[in-house]
C-alpha cells in the first residue's frame, strides 16, 4: 500500500513539475513578447519625440522669420502712412479753413473772404481763389468754409495776418459779435491728433507744411 501511494505521489509530482515548467515557459514567452512590444512602443515614442523636436525647431525658425517679416511690414506700413499723411496735408497747403462764419442761403463766400482780407490787411480779388465752399462738420448747422488759394504765398500771408487778428462776424458784415477763426486746413488725421491734444489741455504749435503737428504742455517754454 505504501509503495502504491509513493508511486502515485511521484507521478503527481512529475505531472506538477511538467505543468509548472509549461506554465513557466508560457509566462516567460508572454513576458518576452510584452517586453518586445514595450521596447517597440518606446522606440516609436522616441522617434515621434525626435520628429516633434525637429518640427518644433522648424516652427520656431518659421515663427522668427514671420515675426521679422511682420515687423518689417509694420515699419513699411508706418512709413507709407506717414507719406500719405504728408501728401494729404501737402494737397491742402494752399488752403485755409474758416470756422464760425454764419450760414446764409444767399451768401457769397468769395465776397466774405475778400472782406476778411481787407480786415487783416491782405487785399484779395476773385482771381486769388481756386475755390471757396462749405464742408460738412460734426455740427450740421455750422459748416466750416474751405478756401483754396491760387497761390500759396497769398494764402500764407492771409493766414499769418488773420491768426493775429481778433476777428468777429460783424467785421465782415454779419449781425453778430461772435468770433470766427481762420486756421490751416488740416487733413482728418491731423485734426484727430489735434483734437486729442486739445482734450489733454495742451497748447499747440502746428506745422502742417511738413505734414506734422508739434505740441507743448501748458506753461512749458
N, C-alpha and C. Protein backbone atom coordinates (compact mmCIF):
# COMPACT_ATOMS: atom_id res chain seq x y z
N UNK A 1 0.84 -1.22 0.00
CA UNK A 1 0.00 0.00 0.00
C UNK A 1 0.86 1.26 0.00
N UNK A 2 1.89 1.26 0.81
CA UNK A 2 2.78 2.41 0.90
C UNK A 2 3.49 2.63 -0.41
N UNK A 3 3.87 1.50 -1.08
CA UNK A 3 4.54 1.64 -2.36
C UNK A 3 3.63 2.28 -3.41
N UNK A 4 2.35 1.93 -3.38
CA UNK A 4 1.40 2.49 -4.35
C UNK A 4 1.21 3.98 -4.12
N UNK A 5 1.12 4.33 -2.83
CA UNK A 5 0.94 5.76 -2.52
C UNK A 5 2.16 6.54 -2.95
N UNK A 6 3.34 5.98 -2.70
CA UNK A 6 4.57 6.65 -3.09
C UNK A 6 4.64 6.79 -4.61
N UNK A 7 4.20 5.77 -5.30
CA UNK A 7 4.22 5.81 -6.75
C UNK A 7 3.28 6.89 -7.28
N UNK A 8 2.08 6.95 -6.64
CA UNK A 8 1.11 7.98 -7.04
C UNK A 8 1.67 9.38 -6.77
N UNK A 9 2.33 9.50 -5.61
CA UNK A 9 2.91 10.79 -5.23
C UNK A 9 3.97 11.22 -6.24
N UNK A 10 4.83 10.26 -6.63
CA UNK A 10 5.87 10.56 -7.58
C UNK A 10 5.28 10.94 -8.94
N UNK A 11 4.23 10.21 -9.33
CA UNK A 11 3.56 10.51 -10.60
C UNK A 11 2.95 11.90 -10.58
N UNK A 12 2.30 12.22 -9.42
CA UNK A 12 1.67 13.53 -9.28
C UNK A 12 2.73 14.63 -9.30
N UNK A 13 3.87 14.36 -8.66
CA UNK A 13 4.95 15.33 -8.60
C UNK A 13 5.51 15.58 -10.00
N UNK A 14 5.63 14.51 -10.76
CA UNK A 14 6.13 14.68 -12.14
C UNK A 14 5.18 15.51 -12.99
N UNK A 15 3.87 15.20 -12.81
CA UNK A 15 2.87 15.97 -13.58
C UNK A 15 2.92 17.44 -13.20
N UNK A 16 3.05 17.70 -11.87
CA UNK A 16 3.09 19.08 -11.41
C UNK A 16 4.32 19.81 -11.95
N UNK A 17 5.46 19.09 -11.95
CA UNK A 17 6.67 19.69 -12.48
C UNK A 17 6.51 20.03 -13.96
N UNK A 18 5.89 19.08 -14.69
CA UNK A 18 5.70 19.30 -16.12
C UNK A 18 4.77 20.49 -16.36
N UNK A 19 3.68 20.53 -15.57
CA UNK A 19 2.74 21.64 -15.73
C UNK A 19 3.38 22.97 -15.34
N UNK A 20 4.16 22.93 -14.26
CA UNK A 20 4.82 24.17 -13.80
C UNK A 20 5.82 24.65 -14.84
N UNK A 21 6.56 23.67 -15.42
CA UNK A 21 7.52 24.01 -16.45
C UNK A 21 6.83 24.64 -17.66
N UNK A 22 5.71 24.01 -18.05
CA UNK A 22 4.96 24.57 -19.18
C UNK A 22 4.42 25.97 -18.87
N UNK A 23 3.91 26.14 -17.64
CA UNK A 23 3.40 27.45 -17.20
C UNK A 23 4.51 28.49 -17.21
N UNK A 24 5.69 28.06 -16.70
CA UNK A 24 6.83 28.97 -16.64
C UNK A 24 7.27 29.37 -18.03
N UNK A 25 7.34 28.39 -18.92
CA UNK A 25 7.76 28.69 -20.29
C UNK A 25 6.77 29.63 -20.97
N UNK A 26 5.46 29.36 -20.77
CA UNK A 26 4.43 30.24 -21.36
C UNK A 26 4.52 31.65 -20.79
N UNK A 27 4.74 31.72 -19.47
CA UNK A 27 4.85 33.02 -18.81
C UNK A 27 6.06 33.78 -19.32
N UNK A 28 7.20 33.08 -19.44
CA UNK A 28 8.40 33.74 -19.95
C UNK A 28 8.21 34.18 -21.39
N UNK A 29 7.53 33.33 -22.17
CA UNK A 29 7.29 33.66 -23.57
C UNK A 29 6.41 34.91 -23.68
N UNK A 30 5.33 34.91 -22.89
CA UNK A 30 4.43 36.08 -22.90
C UNK A 30 5.16 37.34 -22.42
N UNK A 31 6.00 37.15 -21.40
CA UNK A 31 6.74 38.29 -20.87
C UNK A 31 7.69 38.85 -21.92
N UNK A 32 8.40 37.92 -22.63
CA UNK A 32 9.31 38.37 -23.67
C UNK A 32 8.56 39.10 -24.79
N UNK A 33 7.37 38.57 -25.14
CA UNK A 33 6.56 39.23 -26.18
C UNK A 33 6.13 40.63 -25.74
N UNK A 34 5.65 40.71 -24.48
CA UNK A 34 5.23 42.00 -23.95
C UNK A 34 6.41 42.97 -23.90
N UNK A 35 7.58 42.45 -23.50
CA UNK A 35 8.75 43.29 -23.42
C UNK A 35 9.16 43.80 -24.79
N UNK A 36 9.09 42.92 -25.80
CA UNK A 36 9.40 43.35 -27.16
C UNK A 36 8.45 44.45 -27.62
N UNK A 37 7.15 44.28 -27.30
CA UNK A 37 6.16 45.29 -27.68
C UNK A 37 6.42 46.62 -26.98
N UNK A 38 6.79 46.51 -25.70
CA UNK A 38 7.09 47.74 -24.95
C UNK A 38 8.30 48.45 -25.55
N UNK A 39 9.34 47.66 -25.84
CA UNK A 39 10.53 48.25 -26.45
C UNK A 39 10.19 48.90 -27.79
N UNK A 40 9.36 48.22 -28.57
CA UNK A 40 8.95 48.76 -29.86
C UNK A 40 8.18 50.06 -29.69
N UNK A 41 7.27 50.07 -28.68
CA UNK A 41 6.48 51.28 -28.42
C UNK A 41 7.38 52.43 -27.97
N UNK A 42 8.35 52.10 -27.08
CA UNK A 42 9.27 53.12 -26.60
C UNK A 42 10.10 53.67 -27.75
N UNK A 43 10.55 52.78 -28.63
CA UNK A 43 11.33 53.23 -29.79
C UNK A 43 10.49 54.13 -30.70
N UNK A 44 9.23 53.74 -30.86
CA UNK A 44 8.33 54.55 -31.69
C UNK A 44 8.10 55.92 -31.06
N UNK A 45 7.92 55.92 -29.70
CA UNK A 45 7.73 57.19 -28.99
C UNK A 45 8.97 58.08 -29.11
N UNK A 46 10.14 57.44 -29.01
CA UNK A 46 11.38 58.20 -29.16
C UNK A 46 11.48 58.83 -30.54
N UNK A 47 11.10 58.02 -31.54
CA UNK A 47 11.12 58.53 -32.92
C UNK A 47 10.14 59.69 -33.07
N UNK A 48 8.92 59.50 -32.52
CA UNK A 48 7.92 60.58 -32.58
C UNK A 48 8.41 61.82 -31.85
N UNK A 49 9.05 61.60 -30.71
CA UNK A 49 9.55 62.73 -29.91
C UNK A 49 10.61 63.50 -30.69
N UNK A 50 11.51 62.77 -31.33
CA UNK A 50 12.55 63.43 -32.12
C UNK A 50 11.94 64.19 -33.29
N UNK A 51 10.90 63.60 -33.90
CA UNK A 51 10.22 64.29 -35.01
C UNK A 51 9.54 65.55 -34.51
N UNK A 52 8.93 65.46 -33.32
CA UNK A 52 8.27 66.64 -32.74
C UNK A 52 9.30 67.72 -32.43
N UNK A 53 10.45 67.29 -31.88
CA UNK A 53 11.51 68.25 -31.59
C UNK A 53 11.99 68.94 -32.87
N UNK A 54 12.19 68.13 -33.92
CA UNK A 54 12.65 68.70 -35.19
C UNK A 54 11.61 69.66 -35.76
N UNK A 55 10.33 69.25 -35.65
CA UNK A 55 9.25 70.12 -36.15
C UNK A 55 9.16 71.40 -35.34
N UNK A 56 9.40 71.28 -34.03
CA UNK A 56 9.37 72.45 -33.16
C UNK A 56 10.48 73.43 -33.52
N UNK A 57 11.65 72.88 -33.84
CA UNK A 57 12.77 73.74 -34.28
C UNK A 57 12.40 74.48 -35.56
N UNK A 58 11.77 73.75 -36.50
CA UNK A 58 11.35 74.37 -37.76
C UNK A 58 10.31 75.46 -37.50
N UNK A 59 9.35 75.14 -36.61
CA UNK A 59 8.29 76.11 -36.31
C UNK A 59 8.87 77.36 -35.66
N UNK A 60 9.84 77.17 -34.77
CA UNK A 60 10.47 78.33 -34.13
C UNK A 60 11.18 79.19 -35.16
N UNK A 61 11.87 78.53 -36.08
CA UNK A 61 12.57 79.28 -37.14
C UNK A 61 11.58 80.02 -38.02
N UNK A 62 10.48 79.31 -38.37
CA UNK A 62 9.44 79.95 -39.20
C UNK A 62 8.80 81.11 -38.47
N UNK A 63 8.53 80.92 -37.16
CA UNK A 63 7.92 81.97 -36.36
C UNK A 63 8.82 83.20 -36.28
N UNK A 64 10.13 82.95 -36.08
CA UNK A 64 11.08 84.06 -36.02
C UNK A 64 11.10 84.82 -37.34
N UNK A 65 11.05 84.06 -38.45
CA UNK A 65 11.05 84.69 -39.77
C UNK A 65 9.77 85.51 -39.98
N UNK A 66 8.63 84.94 -39.54
CA UNK A 66 7.36 85.65 -39.68
C UNK A 66 7.33 86.90 -38.82
N UNK A 67 7.89 86.80 -37.60
CA UNK A 67 7.94 87.98 -36.73
C UNK A 67 8.78 89.08 -37.37
N UNK A 68 9.90 88.67 -37.96
CA UNK A 68 10.76 89.66 -38.62
C UNK A 68 10.03 90.27 -39.81
N UNK A 69 9.31 89.42 -40.57
CA UNK A 69 8.55 89.91 -41.72
C UNK A 69 7.45 90.87 -41.28
N UNK A 70 6.75 90.49 -40.19
CA UNK A 70 5.67 91.36 -39.67
C UNK A 70 6.22 92.69 -39.20
N UNK A 71 7.36 92.65 -38.52
CA UNK A 71 7.98 93.89 -38.05
C UNK A 71 8.37 94.77 -39.24
N UNK A 72 8.91 94.13 -40.28
CA UNK A 72 9.30 94.87 -41.48
C UNK A 72 8.09 95.48 -42.16
N UNK A 73 7.01 94.66 -42.26
CA UNK A 73 5.78 95.17 -42.89
C UNK A 73 5.17 96.29 -42.07
N UNK A 74 5.19 96.12 -40.72
CA UNK A 74 4.64 97.17 -39.85
C UNK A 74 5.41 98.48 -40.05
N UNK A 75 6.74 98.38 -40.18
CA UNK A 75 7.54 99.57 -40.39
C UNK A 75 7.22 100.21 -41.74
N UNK A 76 7.04 99.36 -42.76
CA UNK A 76 6.71 99.89 -44.09
C UNK A 76 5.34 100.54 -44.08
N UNK A 77 4.37 99.91 -43.38
CA UNK A 77 3.03 100.50 -43.27
C UNK A 77 3.11 101.85 -42.58
N UNK A 78 3.91 101.91 -41.51
CA UNK A 78 4.08 103.18 -40.80
C UNK A 78 4.67 104.24 -41.71
N UNK A 79 5.68 103.84 -42.49
CA UNK A 79 6.31 104.79 -43.42
C UNK A 79 5.32 105.25 -44.48
N UNK A 80 4.53 104.29 -45.01
CA UNK A 80 3.54 104.67 -46.03
C UNK A 80 2.46 105.57 -45.45
N UNK A 81 2.05 105.27 -44.21
CA UNK A 81 1.05 106.11 -43.56
C UNK A 81 1.58 107.52 -43.37
N UNK A 82 2.87 107.60 -42.99
CA UNK A 82 3.49 108.92 -42.80
C UNK A 82 3.55 109.68 -44.12
N UNK A 83 3.92 108.96 -45.18
CA UNK A 83 3.98 109.61 -46.51
C UNK A 83 2.59 110.04 -46.96
N UNK A 84 1.62 109.17 -46.73
CA UNK A 84 0.25 109.50 -47.12
C UNK A 84 -0.25 110.71 -46.35
N UNK A 85 0.06 110.74 -45.05
CA UNK A 85 -0.33 111.89 -44.23
C UNK A 85 0.32 113.16 -44.77
N UNK A 86 1.59 113.05 -45.11
CA UNK A 86 2.31 114.20 -45.66
C UNK A 86 1.67 114.67 -46.97
N UNK A 87 1.34 113.70 -47.84
CA UNK A 87 0.74 114.04 -49.13
C UNK A 87 -0.64 114.65 -48.94
N UNK A 88 -1.41 114.06 -48.00
CA UNK A 88 -2.76 114.60 -47.74
C UNK A 88 -2.67 116.05 -47.29
N UNK A 89 -1.71 116.31 -46.39
CA UNK A 89 -1.59 117.67 -45.90
C UNK A 89 -1.00 118.59 -46.96
N UNK A 90 -0.07 118.05 -47.74
CA UNK A 90 0.55 118.85 -48.80
C UNK A 90 -0.49 119.31 -49.82
N UNK A 91 -1.48 118.44 -50.08
CA UNK A 91 -2.53 118.81 -51.03
C UNK A 91 -3.40 119.95 -50.51
N UNK A 92 -3.26 120.25 -49.21
CA UNK A 92 -4.04 121.34 -48.61
C UNK A 92 -3.18 122.57 -48.30
N UNK A 93 -1.95 122.60 -48.81
CA UNK A 93 -1.04 123.66 -48.38
C UNK A 93 -1.39 125.04 -48.93
N UNK A 94 -2.36 125.10 -49.82
CA UNK A 94 -2.83 126.41 -50.31
C UNK A 94 -4.21 126.75 -49.75
N UNK A 95 -4.64 125.97 -48.74
CA UNK A 95 -5.99 126.13 -48.19
C UNK A 95 -5.97 126.76 -46.81
N UNK A 96 -7.08 127.39 -46.47
CA UNK A 96 -7.37 127.75 -45.08
C UNK A 96 -8.80 127.31 -44.79
N UNK A 97 -9.10 127.15 -43.51
CA UNK A 97 -10.44 126.74 -43.10
C UNK A 97 -11.01 127.80 -42.15
N UNK A 98 -12.17 128.27 -42.47
CA UNK A 98 -12.84 129.28 -41.65
C UNK A 98 -13.88 128.61 -40.77
N UNK A 99 -13.80 128.86 -39.50
CA UNK A 99 -14.73 128.26 -38.54
C UNK A 99 -15.53 129.36 -37.85
N UNK A 100 -16.85 129.24 -37.92
CA UNK A 100 -17.71 130.21 -37.22
C UNK A 100 -18.37 131.23 -38.11
N UNK A 101 -18.20 131.11 -39.43
CA UNK A 101 -18.87 132.03 -40.36
C UNK A 101 -20.34 131.64 -40.45
N UNK A 102 -21.27 132.55 -40.10
CA UNK A 102 -22.70 132.21 -40.15
C UNK A 102 -23.16 131.83 -41.55
N UNK A 103 -24.12 130.92 -41.62
CA UNK A 103 -24.65 130.49 -42.91
C UNK A 103 -25.77 131.40 -43.35
N UNK A 104 -25.77 131.67 -44.66
CA UNK A 104 -26.84 132.47 -45.25
C UNK A 104 -27.21 131.83 -46.58
N UNK A 105 -28.49 131.64 -46.80
CA UNK A 105 -28.93 130.94 -48.01
C UNK A 105 -28.48 131.65 -49.28
N UNK A 106 -28.30 132.98 -49.20
CA UNK A 106 -27.90 133.74 -50.39
C UNK A 106 -26.45 134.22 -50.27
N UNK A 107 -25.67 133.55 -49.47
CA UNK A 107 -24.31 134.02 -49.18
C UNK A 107 -23.41 133.97 -50.42
N UNK A 108 -22.45 134.87 -50.41
CA UNK A 108 -21.39 134.88 -51.40
C UNK A 108 -20.08 134.74 -50.63
N UNK A 109 -19.59 133.53 -50.56
CA UNK A 109 -18.44 133.25 -49.72
C UNK A 109 -17.18 133.95 -50.20
N UNK A 110 -17.05 134.13 -51.51
CA UNK A 110 -15.87 134.82 -52.03
C UNK A 110 -15.83 136.26 -51.51
N UNK A 111 -17.00 136.92 -51.55
CA UNK A 111 -17.05 138.30 -51.02
C UNK A 111 -16.70 138.32 -49.54
N UNK A 112 -17.15 137.29 -48.81
CA UNK A 112 -16.86 137.22 -47.37
C UNK A 112 -15.36 137.11 -47.14
N UNK A 113 -14.69 136.26 -47.91
CA UNK A 113 -13.23 136.08 -47.74
C UNK A 113 -12.50 137.36 -48.14
N UNK A 114 -12.96 138.03 -49.19
CA UNK A 114 -12.34 139.30 -49.60
C UNK A 114 -12.45 140.33 -48.49
N UNK A 115 -13.61 140.34 -47.79
CA UNK A 115 -13.79 141.27 -46.67
C UNK A 115 -12.85 140.93 -45.53
N UNK A 116 -12.64 139.63 -45.29
CA UNK A 116 -11.69 139.23 -44.25
C UNK A 116 -10.29 139.72 -44.63
N UNK A 117 -9.93 139.59 -45.92
CA UNK A 117 -8.64 140.07 -46.38
C UNK A 117 -8.46 141.55 -46.12
N UNK A 118 -9.51 142.33 -46.39
CA UNK A 118 -9.45 143.76 -46.12
C UNK A 118 -9.22 144.03 -44.64
N UNK A 119 -9.89 143.24 -43.80
CA UNK A 119 -9.79 143.43 -42.36
C UNK A 119 -8.39 143.12 -41.84
N UNK A 120 -7.73 142.13 -42.44
CA UNK A 120 -6.41 141.72 -41.93
C UNK A 120 -5.26 142.31 -42.76
N UNK A 121 -5.59 143.19 -43.69
CA UNK A 121 -4.56 143.88 -44.45
C UNK A 121 -3.97 143.10 -45.60
N UNK A 122 -4.75 142.18 -46.18
CA UNK A 122 -4.29 141.41 -47.34
C UNK A 122 -5.32 141.58 -48.46
N UNK A 123 -5.10 142.51 -49.38
CA UNK A 123 -6.06 142.73 -50.48
C UNK A 123 -6.25 141.45 -51.30
N UNK A 124 -7.50 141.13 -51.55
CA UNK A 124 -7.81 139.92 -52.33
C UNK A 124 -8.80 140.26 -53.43
N UNK A 125 -8.75 139.45 -54.49
CA UNK A 125 -9.75 139.55 -55.54
C UNK A 125 -10.13 138.14 -55.95
N UNK A 126 -11.17 138.03 -56.74
CA UNK A 126 -11.71 136.71 -57.09
C UNK A 126 -10.68 135.81 -57.76
N UNK A 127 -9.74 136.39 -58.50
CA UNK A 127 -8.73 135.59 -59.20
C UNK A 127 -7.74 134.94 -58.23
N UNK A 128 -7.75 135.36 -56.97
CA UNK A 128 -6.84 134.77 -55.98
C UNK A 128 -7.32 133.42 -55.48
N UNK A 129 -8.53 133.01 -55.86
CA UNK A 129 -9.10 131.77 -55.33
C UNK A 129 -9.29 130.71 -56.41
N UNK A 130 -8.98 129.47 -56.04
CA UNK A 130 -9.33 128.34 -56.88
C UNK A 130 -10.75 127.89 -56.57
N UNK A 131 -11.11 127.90 -55.28
CA UNK A 131 -12.47 127.53 -54.86
C UNK A 131 -12.71 128.02 -53.45
N UNK A 132 -13.97 128.27 -53.16
CA UNK A 132 -14.40 128.64 -51.81
C UNK A 132 -15.74 127.93 -51.57
N UNK A 133 -15.79 127.08 -50.58
CA UNK A 133 -17.02 126.31 -50.37
C UNK A 133 -17.10 125.83 -48.93
N UNK A 134 -18.30 125.47 -48.55
CA UNK A 134 -18.51 124.93 -47.21
C UNK A 134 -18.29 123.41 -47.21
N UNK A 135 -17.89 122.90 -46.05
CA UNK A 135 -17.66 121.46 -45.91
C UNK A 135 -18.42 120.96 -44.69
N UNK A 136 -18.85 119.71 -44.72
CA UNK A 136 -19.59 119.16 -43.57
C UNK A 136 -18.71 119.09 -42.32
N UNK A 137 -19.34 119.25 -41.17
CA UNK A 137 -18.68 119.06 -39.88
C UNK A 137 -19.59 118.20 -39.01
N UNK A 138 -19.14 117.92 -37.80
CA UNK A 138 -19.97 117.13 -36.89
C UNK A 138 -21.24 117.88 -36.51
N UNK A 139 -21.19 119.21 -36.59
CA UNK A 139 -22.37 120.04 -36.35
C UNK A 139 -22.95 120.43 -37.71
N UNK A 140 -24.06 119.80 -38.08
CA UNK A 140 -24.62 120.01 -39.42
C UNK A 140 -25.11 121.42 -39.66
N UNK A 141 -25.39 122.16 -38.58
CA UNK A 141 -25.90 123.53 -38.73
C UNK A 141 -24.77 124.55 -38.84
N UNK A 142 -23.53 124.12 -38.60
CA UNK A 142 -22.40 125.03 -38.66
C UNK A 142 -21.30 124.42 -39.51
N UNK A 143 -21.42 124.59 -40.80
CA UNK A 143 -20.42 124.03 -41.71
C UNK A 143 -19.28 125.02 -41.89
N UNK A 144 -18.08 124.50 -41.79
CA UNK A 144 -16.91 125.35 -42.00
C UNK A 144 -16.76 125.71 -43.47
N UNK A 145 -15.92 126.70 -43.73
CA UNK A 145 -15.66 127.15 -45.10
C UNK A 145 -14.20 126.86 -45.43
N UNK A 146 -13.98 126.20 -46.54
CA UNK A 146 -12.61 125.93 -47.01
C UNK A 146 -12.32 126.85 -48.18
N UNK A 147 -11.19 127.56 -48.06
CA UNK A 147 -10.75 128.48 -49.11
C UNK A 147 -9.47 127.93 -49.73
N UNK A 148 -9.51 127.67 -51.03
CA UNK A 148 -8.31 127.22 -51.73
C UNK A 148 -7.78 128.40 -52.55
N UNK A 149 -6.59 128.85 -52.19
CA UNK A 149 -5.98 129.98 -52.88
C UNK A 149 -5.28 129.52 -54.15
N UNK A 150 -5.18 130.42 -55.09
CA UNK A 150 -4.48 130.12 -56.34
C UNK A 150 -2.97 130.09 -56.12
N UNK A 151 -2.50 130.85 -55.13
CA UNK A 151 -1.07 130.89 -54.85
C UNK A 151 -0.85 130.69 -53.35
N UNK A 152 0.10 129.85 -53.04
CA UNK A 152 0.37 129.55 -51.64
C UNK A 152 0.92 130.76 -50.90
N UNK A 153 1.69 131.57 -51.57
CA UNK A 153 2.26 132.75 -50.92
C UNK A 153 1.16 133.67 -50.40
N UNK A 154 0.12 133.85 -51.22
CA UNK A 154 -1.01 134.69 -50.81
C UNK A 154 -1.72 134.05 -49.62
N UNK A 155 -1.88 132.75 -49.69
CA UNK A 155 -2.54 132.02 -48.58
C UNK A 155 -1.77 132.19 -47.27
N UNK A 156 -0.42 132.05 -47.34
CA UNK A 156 0.39 132.15 -46.13
C UNK A 156 0.29 133.53 -45.51
N UNK A 157 0.30 134.56 -46.34
CA UNK A 157 0.19 135.93 -45.85
C UNK A 157 -1.17 136.15 -45.20
N UNK A 158 -2.23 135.67 -45.86
CA UNK A 158 -3.59 135.79 -45.33
C UNK A 158 -3.70 135.08 -43.99
N UNK A 159 -3.18 133.86 -43.91
CA UNK A 159 -3.29 133.05 -42.70
C UNK A 159 -2.51 133.68 -41.55
N UNK A 160 -1.30 134.15 -41.84
CA UNK A 160 -0.47 134.75 -40.79
C UNK A 160 -1.13 136.00 -40.21
N UNK A 161 -1.67 136.85 -41.08
CA UNK A 161 -2.31 138.08 -40.59
C UNK A 161 -3.60 137.78 -39.85
N UNK A 162 -4.37 136.82 -40.36
CA UNK A 162 -5.66 136.51 -39.75
C UNK A 162 -5.48 135.88 -38.37
N UNK A 163 -4.40 135.14 -38.18
CA UNK A 163 -4.17 134.48 -36.89
C UNK A 163 -3.90 135.48 -35.77
N UNK A 164 -3.34 136.61 -36.11
CA UNK A 164 -3.02 137.61 -35.09
C UNK A 164 -4.17 138.58 -34.86
N UNK A 165 -5.21 138.51 -35.69
CA UNK A 165 -6.35 139.43 -35.56
C UNK A 165 -7.44 138.77 -34.72
N UNK A 166 -8.17 139.56 -34.00
CA UNK A 166 -9.32 139.07 -33.24
C UNK A 166 -10.57 139.36 -34.08
N UNK A 167 -10.92 138.41 -34.89
CA UNK A 167 -11.98 138.62 -35.86
C UNK A 167 -13.36 138.29 -35.29
N UNK A 168 -14.32 139.12 -35.63
CA UNK A 168 -15.71 138.89 -35.25
C UNK A 168 -16.57 138.88 -36.51
N UNK A 169 -17.70 138.21 -36.41
CA UNK A 169 -18.59 138.10 -37.57
C UNK A 169 -19.05 139.48 -38.05
N UNK A 170 -19.17 140.42 -37.12
CA UNK A 170 -19.60 141.77 -37.51
C UNK A 170 -18.55 142.47 -38.37
N UNK A 171 -17.30 142.01 -38.31
CA UNK A 171 -16.23 142.61 -39.11
C UNK A 171 -16.43 142.38 -40.61
N UNK A 172 -17.20 141.35 -40.95
CA UNK A 172 -17.38 141.02 -42.37
C UNK A 172 -18.85 141.10 -42.78
N UNK A 173 -19.61 141.93 -42.02
CA UNK A 173 -20.96 142.25 -42.46
C UNK A 173 -22.08 141.45 -41.83
N UNK A 174 -21.79 140.60 -40.84
CA UNK A 174 -22.86 139.83 -40.18
C UNK A 174 -23.34 140.55 -38.93
N UNK A 175 -24.60 140.33 -38.60
CA UNK A 175 -25.20 140.95 -37.41
C UNK A 175 -24.92 140.06 -36.20
N UNK A 176 -23.65 139.92 -35.87
CA UNK A 176 -23.24 139.06 -34.75
C UNK A 176 -21.87 139.48 -34.27
N UNK A 177 -21.69 139.45 -32.96
CA UNK A 177 -20.39 139.77 -32.36
C UNK A 177 -19.60 138.51 -32.03
N UNK A 178 -20.11 137.35 -32.49
CA UNK A 178 -19.41 136.09 -32.24
C UNK A 178 -18.09 136.06 -33.01
N UNK A 179 -17.06 135.50 -32.41
CA UNK A 179 -15.77 135.41 -33.13
C UNK A 179 -15.81 134.31 -34.19
N UNK A 180 -14.97 134.44 -35.19
CA UNK A 180 -14.73 133.32 -36.10
C UNK A 180 -13.22 133.16 -36.24
N UNK A 181 -12.80 132.02 -36.75
CA UNK A 181 -11.39 131.67 -36.73
C UNK A 181 -10.90 131.24 -38.11
N UNK A 182 -9.66 131.61 -38.40
CA UNK A 182 -9.01 131.24 -39.66
C UNK A 182 -7.86 130.28 -39.30
N UNK A 183 -7.96 129.06 -39.77
CA UNK A 183 -6.98 128.03 -39.45
C UNK A 183 -6.43 127.38 -40.70
N UNK A 184 -5.31 126.66 -40.50
CA UNK A 184 -4.85 125.81 -41.58
C UNK A 184 -5.89 124.73 -41.85
N UNK A 185 -6.00 124.31 -43.10
CA UNK A 185 -6.94 123.24 -43.46
C UNK A 185 -6.25 121.90 -43.22
N UNK A 186 -6.48 121.32 -42.05
CA UNK A 186 -5.82 120.07 -41.68
C UNK A 186 -6.53 118.87 -42.29
N UNK A 187 -5.75 117.86 -42.61
CA UNK A 187 -6.34 116.60 -43.07
C UNK A 187 -6.99 115.91 -41.87
N UNK A 188 -7.87 114.94 -42.10
CA UNK A 188 -8.62 114.30 -40.99
C UNK A 188 -7.73 113.75 -39.88
N UNK A 189 -6.61 113.11 -40.22
CA UNK A 189 -5.75 112.52 -39.20
C UNK A 189 -5.12 113.58 -38.31
N UNK A 190 -4.66 114.67 -38.91
CA UNK A 190 -4.08 115.75 -38.11
C UNK A 190 -5.15 116.43 -37.26
N UNK A 191 -6.37 116.52 -37.78
CA UNK A 191 -7.46 117.07 -36.97
C UNK A 191 -7.72 116.18 -35.76
N UNK A 192 -7.66 114.84 -35.99
CA UNK A 192 -7.88 113.91 -34.89
C UNK A 192 -6.79 114.06 -33.82
N UNK A 193 -5.53 114.15 -34.26
CA UNK A 193 -4.43 114.31 -33.32
C UNK A 193 -4.53 115.64 -32.57
N UNK A 194 -4.92 116.67 -33.30
CA UNK A 194 -5.07 117.98 -32.67
C UNK A 194 -6.19 117.95 -31.64
N UNK A 195 -7.30 117.24 -31.97
CA UNK A 195 -8.40 117.11 -31.03
C UNK A 195 -7.99 116.37 -29.77
N UNK A 196 -7.20 115.31 -29.93
CA UNK A 196 -6.71 114.56 -28.77
C UNK A 196 -5.82 115.43 -27.89
N UNK A 197 -4.94 116.19 -28.52
CA UNK A 197 -4.03 117.04 -27.76
C UNK A 197 -4.81 118.14 -27.03
N UNK A 198 -5.82 118.69 -27.70
CA UNK A 198 -6.64 119.73 -27.08
C UNK A 198 -7.37 119.18 -25.86
N UNK A 199 -7.86 117.94 -25.98
CA UNK A 199 -8.57 117.31 -24.87
C UNK A 199 -7.65 117.11 -23.66
N UNK A 200 -6.33 117.02 -23.91
CA UNK A 200 -5.36 116.83 -22.83
C UNK A 200 -4.81 118.17 -22.34
N UNK A 201 -5.42 119.25 -22.77
CA UNK A 201 -5.06 120.58 -22.31
C UNK A 201 -3.65 120.98 -22.70
N UNK A 202 -3.31 120.71 -23.96
CA UNK A 202 -2.01 121.12 -24.48
C UNK A 202 -2.19 122.38 -25.32
N UNK A 203 -1.18 123.23 -25.29
CA UNK A 203 -1.10 124.32 -26.27
C UNK A 203 -0.46 123.74 -27.52
N UNK A 204 -0.82 124.29 -28.66
CA UNK A 204 -0.35 123.68 -29.90
C UNK A 204 0.38 124.67 -30.78
N UNK A 205 1.38 124.13 -31.41
CA UNK A 205 2.06 124.85 -32.49
C UNK A 205 2.02 123.93 -33.68
N UNK A 206 1.17 124.20 -34.63
CA UNK A 206 1.04 123.29 -35.77
C UNK A 206 2.01 123.67 -36.86
N UNK A 207 2.57 122.66 -37.49
CA UNK A 207 3.47 122.87 -38.62
C UNK A 207 3.11 121.86 -39.69
N UNK A 208 2.01 122.11 -40.35
CA UNK A 208 1.48 121.14 -41.31
C UNK A 208 2.13 121.26 -42.67
N UNK A 209 3.00 122.22 -42.87
CA UNK A 209 3.70 122.32 -44.16
C UNK A 209 4.54 121.07 -44.40
N UNK A 210 5.05 120.48 -43.31
CA UNK A 210 5.80 119.24 -43.45
C UNK A 210 4.99 118.04 -43.00
N UNK A 211 3.70 118.25 -42.77
CA UNK A 211 2.81 117.13 -42.52
C UNK A 211 2.79 116.64 -41.09
N UNK A 212 3.05 117.50 -40.10
CA UNK A 212 3.00 117.02 -38.73
C UNK A 212 2.57 118.15 -37.82
N UNK A 213 2.21 117.77 -36.58
CA UNK A 213 1.89 118.76 -35.56
C UNK A 213 2.90 118.64 -34.43
N UNK A 214 3.39 119.77 -33.93
CA UNK A 214 4.20 119.73 -32.72
C UNK A 214 3.34 120.27 -31.60
N UNK A 215 3.63 119.82 -30.38
CA UNK A 215 2.79 120.23 -29.26
C UNK A 215 3.65 120.47 -28.03
N UNK A 216 3.18 121.31 -27.15
CA UNK A 216 3.88 121.50 -25.89
C UNK A 216 2.84 121.66 -24.79
N UNK A 217 3.19 121.22 -23.60
CA UNK A 217 2.25 121.30 -22.49
C UNK A 217 2.11 122.75 -22.04
N UNK A 218 0.93 123.05 -21.46
CA UNK A 218 0.66 124.39 -20.98
C UNK A 218 1.74 124.83 -19.99
N UNK A 219 2.28 126.02 -20.21
CA UNK A 219 3.26 126.56 -19.29
C UNK A 219 4.70 126.22 -19.64
N UNK A 220 4.90 125.33 -20.60
CA UNK A 220 6.26 124.95 -20.99
C UNK A 220 6.81 125.93 -22.01
N UNK A 221 8.07 126.25 -21.90
CA UNK A 221 8.71 127.19 -22.84
C UNK A 221 9.92 126.52 -23.45
